[in-house]
């Protein structure tokens, strides 16, 4: 009988190019188990959840003095088609999202997780755009080009943070929504103020690479604080292969 592949978590940790060492003062958050609300929990959700929980256990075992890793599950309740150009809203109620398979997995590790809805992030991003339109000087990384709100990226020729509809209302696009997710995630780690550094691991579908990388640069330039690292893990649920992309806040100059 063929043995199912297992993610090489130690290989991931050994290969990280961080600007700081993971110490007993480092706080960690792991985002795993992502799924689309209309279709429910799938193979990627289950497989990334197991990999994330295993990663957290390895981090906790390496240093019993470090606060235990936190876990979050991001749920796409905006619709199946969320790209840089558009996010389709659907009517998904919180009570209709069954996370019990993921809860059982977390229970087996003695862990728990919080759920973050993309609809909540979209509303948060919409408020940021509304405030920015009233005071553009509040965020110099954004500028208006016609009816599009563009982010001044150092790595990409064109990153759309939002767009104005016919009524002049700002509608956020996916990179800004990603940036808001990372912002609230790192802020949740600030609850222990004496932490020397903070790191977030995010298990991501390979198809989402473009918008997540753009959104992470947005977070790093706009909101990140010193000694933070974002580890994007582009993960294949079937093979357990992964490609990590590391962003260190110390490589960026925060602009707002």
Protein backbone atom coordinates (compact mmCIF):
# COMPACT_ATOMS: atom_id res chain seq x y z
CA UNK A 1 0.00 0.00 0.00
CA UNK A 2 1.37 3.37 -1.06
CA UNK A 3 2.05 5.78 1.81
CA UNK A 4 0.36 9.16 1.53
CA UNK A 5 2.82 12.06 1.17
CA UNK A 6 3.49 14.26 4.19
CA UNK A 7 4.59 17.87 4.08
CA UNK A 8 8.26 18.46 4.91
CA UNK A 9 7.67 20.97 7.69
CA UNK A 10 11.23 20.86 8.99
CA UNK A 11 12.44 21.61 5.47
CA UNK A 12 10.13 24.63 5.39
CA UNK A 13 11.47 25.99 8.68
CA UNK A 14 15.10 25.31 7.80
CA UNK A 15 14.78 27.17 4.50
CA UNK A 16 13.16 30.36 5.78
CA UNK A 17 15.03 33.56 4.96
CA UNK A 18 13.96 35.68 7.92
CA UNK A 19 15.41 38.97 9.10
CA UNK A 20 15.15 37.73 12.70
CA UNK A 21 15.43 34.45 14.56
CA UNK A 22 12.35 32.64 15.83
CA UNK A 23 12.89 32.78 19.59
CA UNK A 24 10.91 32.22 22.76
CA UNK A 25 9.55 35.77 22.36
CA UNK A 26 8.28 35.22 18.81
CA UNK A 27 4.52 35.02 18.38
CA UNK A 28 3.17 32.87 15.55
CA UNK A 29 -0.14 32.73 13.73
CA UNK A 30 -0.96 30.02 11.19
CA UNK A 31 -3.71 30.48 8.61
CA UNK A 32 -4.81 27.13 7.21
CA UNK A 33 -7.96 25.24 6.23
CA UNK A 34 -9.12 27.85 3.69
CA UNK A 35 -12.31 26.98 1.82
CA UNK A 36 -15.02 28.49 -0.39
CA UNK A 37 -18.31 28.77 1.49
CA UNK A 38 -20.57 27.82 -1.47
CA UNK A 39 -18.81 24.47 -1.98
CA UNK A 40 -17.70 23.77 1.59
CA UNK A 41 -14.60 22.08 2.97
CA UNK A 42 -12.54 20.35 0.30
CA UNK A 43 -9.24 18.47 -0.01
CA UNK A 44 -7.19 21.66 0.13
CA UNK A 45 -8.96 22.75 3.30
CA UNK A 46 -8.42 19.43 5.08
CA UNK A 47 -4.87 18.94 3.87
CA UNK A 48 -3.70 22.48 4.63
CA UNK A 49 -5.38 22.31 8.04
CA UNK A 50 -3.44 19.18 8.93
CA UNK A 51 -0.21 20.70 7.65
CA UNK A 52 -0.85 23.92 9.58
CA UNK A 53 -1.62 22.10 12.81
CA UNK A 54 1.51 19.98 12.38
CA UNK A 55 3.57 23.12 11.77
CA UNK A 56 2.18 24.69 14.94
CA UNK A 57 2.96 21.59 16.98
CA UNK A 58 6.54 21.61 15.72
CA UNK A 59 6.93 25.29 16.61
CA UNK A 60 5.45 24.73 20.07
CA UNK A 61 7.60 21.65 20.70
CA UNK A 62 10.76 23.49 19.70
CA UNK A 63 10.21 26.03 22.48
CA UNK A 64 7.83 25.30 25.31
CA UNK A 65 8.49 28.83 26.59
CA UNK A 66 6.98 30.43 23.49
CA UNK A 67 3.25 31.24 23.56
CA UNK A 68 1.37 28.57 21.63
CA UNK A 69 0.70 29.22 17.96
CA UNK A 70 -2.63 30.76 17.07
CA UNK A 71 -4.73 29.42 14.19
CA UNK A 72 -7.20 31.03 11.87
CA UNK A 73 -9.35 29.71 9.02
CA UNK A 74 -10.17 32.13 6.22
CA UNK A 75 -13.50 31.49 4.49
CA UNK A 76 -14.32 32.87 1.06
CA UNK A 77 -17.95 33.92 1.37
CA UNK A 78 -17.62 36.53 -1.38
CA UNK A 79 -18.16 34.07 -4.21
CA UNK A 80 -16.14 31.72 -6.37
CA UNK A 81 -14.79 34.47 -8.64
CA UNK A 82 -12.59 36.76 -6.57
CA UNK A 83 -9.76 38.19 -8.64
CA UNK A 84 -7.96 41.50 -8.84
CA UNK A 85 -10.75 42.76 -11.10
CA UNK A 86 -13.88 41.69 -9.23
CA UNK A 87 -15.36 39.93 -6.23
CA UNK A 88 -18.80 38.41 -6.65
CA UNK A 89 -20.96 38.72 -3.54
CA UNK A 90 -23.10 35.77 -2.50
CA UNK A 91 -25.61 35.29 0.29
CA UNK A 92 -23.86 32.95 2.74
CA UNK A 93 -24.87 33.00 6.38
CA UNK A 94 -22.37 32.18 9.13
CA UNK A 95 -24.61 29.39 10.41
CA UNK A 96 -24.55 27.75 6.98
CA UNK A 97 -20.77 27.27 7.05
CA UNK A 98 -19.95 23.86 8.52
CA UNK A 99 -16.44 23.88 9.97
CA UNK A 100 -16.94 20.76 12.12
CA UNK A 101 -14.43 18.61 10.14
CA UNK A 102 -11.75 21.21 10.78
CA UNK A 103 -12.79 21.52 14.41
CA UNK A 104 -12.36 17.78 14.86
CA UNK A 105 -8.85 18.00 13.42
CA UNK A 106 -7.97 20.91 15.70
CA UNK A 107 -9.38 19.07 18.71
CA UNK A 108 -7.12 16.12 17.97
CA UNK A 109 -4.15 18.48 18.34
CA UNK A 110 -5.57 20.13 21.46
CA UNK A 111 -5.91 23.36 19.51
CA UNK A 112 -8.61 25.81 18.47
CA UNK A 113 -9.01 28.30 15.64
CA UNK A 114 -10.88 31.47 14.81
CA UNK A 115 -12.84 31.95 11.59
CA UNK A 116 -12.35 35.04 9.42
CA UNK A 117 -14.88 35.78 6.68
CA UNK A 118 -13.78 37.51 3.50
CA UNK A 119 -17.03 39.48 3.55
CA UNK A 120 -15.91 41.05 6.83
CA UNK A 121 -12.54 41.89 5.29
CA UNK A 122 -14.20 43.35 2.21
CA UNK A 123 -16.34 45.64 4.36
CA UNK A 124 -13.27 46.71 6.31
CA UNK A 125 -11.41 47.46 3.08
CA UNK A 126 -14.41 49.40 1.75
CA UNK A 127 -14.33 51.64 4.84
CA UNK A 128 -10.61 52.25 4.31
CA UNK A 129 -11.27 53.35 0.72
CA UNK A 130 -14.14 55.58 1.80
CA UNK A 131 -11.91 57.32 4.33
CA UNK A 132 -9.05 57.58 1.85
CA UNK A 133 -11.28 59.23 -0.76
CA UNK A 134 -12.07 61.92 1.83
CA UNK A 135 -8.38 62.40 2.70
CA UNK A 136 -6.04 61.00 0.00
CA UNK A 137 -3.01 62.40 1.81
CA UNK A 138 -3.63 59.84 4.59
CA UNK A 139 -2.17 57.08 2.42
CA UNK A 140 0.50 58.14 -0.10
CA UNK A 141 0.84 54.57 -1.42
CA UNK A 142 -2.49 54.94 -3.25
CA UNK A 143 -3.49 57.19 -6.13
CA UNK A 144 -6.52 57.63 -8.35
CA UNK A 145 -6.18 56.85 -12.05
CA UNK A 146 -9.51 57.48 -13.75
CA UNK A 147 -11.96 55.36 -11.80
CA UNK A 148 -9.29 53.01 -10.45
CA UNK A 149 -7.41 53.28 -7.16
CA UNK A 150 -3.89 52.05 -7.76
CA UNK A 151 -1.25 50.95 -5.27
CA UNK A 152 2.30 52.21 -5.86
CA UNK A 153 4.03 48.84 -6.01
CA UNK A 154 7.80 48.39 -6.16
CA UNK A 155 7.41 44.96 -7.79
CA UNK A 156 4.40 45.07 -10.12
CA UNK A 157 3.57 47.54 -12.89
CA UNK A 158 -0.10 47.82 -11.95
CA UNK A 159 -1.86 46.82 -8.72
CA UNK A 160 -5.54 47.72 -8.40
CA UNK A 161 -6.55 48.37 -4.79
CA UNK A 162 -10.09 49.45 -5.64
CA UNK A 163 -12.35 51.12 -8.18
CA UNK A 164 -15.11 53.68 -8.20
CA UNK A 165 -18.57 52.59 -9.30
CA UNK A 166 -21.05 54.78 -11.17
CA UNK A 167 -22.13 56.40 -7.91
CA UNK A 168 -18.54 57.24 -6.96
CA UNK A 169 -18.36 54.63 -4.21
CA UNK A 170 -15.03 52.87 -3.75
CA UNK A 171 -15.16 49.09 -4.26
CA UNK A 172 -12.14 47.17 -2.91
CA UNK A 173 -10.29 44.62 -5.00
CA UNK A 174 -8.68 41.44 -3.78
CA UNK A 175 -5.11 42.69 -3.06
CA UNK A 176 -6.49 45.24 -0.61
CA UNK A 177 -8.70 42.57 0.99
CA UNK A 178 -5.62 40.35 1.41
CA UNK A 179 -3.78 43.27 2.99
CA UNK A 180 -6.63 43.77 5.47
CA UNK A 181 -6.54 40.08 6.41
CA UNK A 182 -2.86 40.28 7.21
CA UNK A 183 -3.37 43.53 9.11
CA UNK A 184 -6.00 42.09 11.47
CA UNK A 185 -3.96 38.90 11.83
CA UNK A 186 -0.82 40.69 13.01
CA UNK A 187 -2.89 42.94 15.23
CA UNK A 188 -4.29 39.85 16.95
CA UNK A 189 -0.69 38.92 17.81
CA UNK A 190 -0.16 42.32 19.42
CA UNK A 191 -2.25 41.24 22.39
CA UNK A 192 1.04 40.17 23.97
CA UNK A 193 2.88 43.49 23.74
CA UNK A 194 6.27 42.25 24.92
CA UNK A 195 6.77 39.94 21.92
CA UNK A 196 10.10 40.63 20.21
CA UNK A 197 8.88 39.48 16.81
CA UNK A 198 5.79 38.16 15.05
CA UNK A 199 5.43 35.68 12.19
CA UNK A 200 2.42 34.57 10.17
CA UNK A 201 2.30 31.42 8.04
CA UNK A 202 -0.45 31.31 5.39
CA UNK A 203 -1.28 28.15 3.42
CA UNK A 204 -2.52 29.32 0.02
CA UNK A 205 -3.84 27.73 -3.15
CA UNK A 206 -1.39 28.12 -6.01
CA UNK A 207 -4.14 29.69 -8.16
CA UNK A 208 -4.32 32.62 -5.70
CA UNK A 209 -0.62 33.45 -5.94
CA UNK A 210 -0.90 36.74 -7.83
CA UNK A 211 -3.41 38.55 -5.64
CA UNK A 212 -1.88 37.30 -2.38
CA UNK A 213 1.65 38.40 -3.28
CA UNK A 214 0.37 41.82 -4.33
CA UNK A 215 -1.72 42.11 -1.17
CA UNK A 216 1.22 41.15 1.02
CA UNK A 217 3.38 43.87 -0.48
CA UNK A 218 0.53 46.29 0.23
CA UNK A 219 0.49 45.24 3.86
CA UNK A 220 4.25 45.48 4.23
CA UNK A 221 4.47 48.99 2.77
CA UNK A 222 1.33 50.33 4.41
CA UNK A 223 0.84 48.68 7.82
CA UNK A 224 3.69 46.40 8.90
CA UNK A 225 5.64 47.02 12.08
CA UNK A 226 9.31 46.11 12.75
CA UNK A 227 10.30 42.44 13.17
CA UNK A 228 7.30 40.96 11.38
CA UNK A 229 7.48 38.23 8.75
CA UNK A 230 4.85 36.91 6.39
CA UNK A 231 5.45 33.40 5.06
CA UNK A 232 3.22 32.60 2.10
CA UNK A 233 3.08 28.83 1.59
CA UNK A 234 1.77 27.97 -1.88
CA UNK A 235 0.60 24.46 -1.19
CA UNK A 236 -0.41 21.47 -3.32
CA UNK A 237 -2.90 19.41 -1.31
CA UNK A 238 -2.36 16.24 -3.34
CA UNK A 239 1.43 16.06 -3.42
CA UNK A 240 2.14 18.11 -0.26
CA UNK A 241 4.66 20.07 -2.28
CA UNK A 242 5.00 23.72 -1.38
CA UNK A 243 6.75 26.91 -2.40
CA UNK A 244 7.36 29.43 0.40
CA UNK A 245 7.62 33.15 -0.30
CA UNK A 246 8.90 35.23 2.61
CA UNK A 247 8.24 38.92 3.22
CA UNK A 248 10.19 40.62 6.01
CA UNK A 249 8.87 43.92 7.29
CA UNK A 250 12.44 45.07 7.93
CA UNK A 251 12.94 45.15 4.15
CA UNK A 252 10.22 47.79 3.79
CA UNK A 253 9.78 51.36 4.93
CA UNK A 254 6.28 51.73 6.31
CA UNK A 255 4.59 54.69 4.64
CA UNK A 256 1.41 55.20 6.67
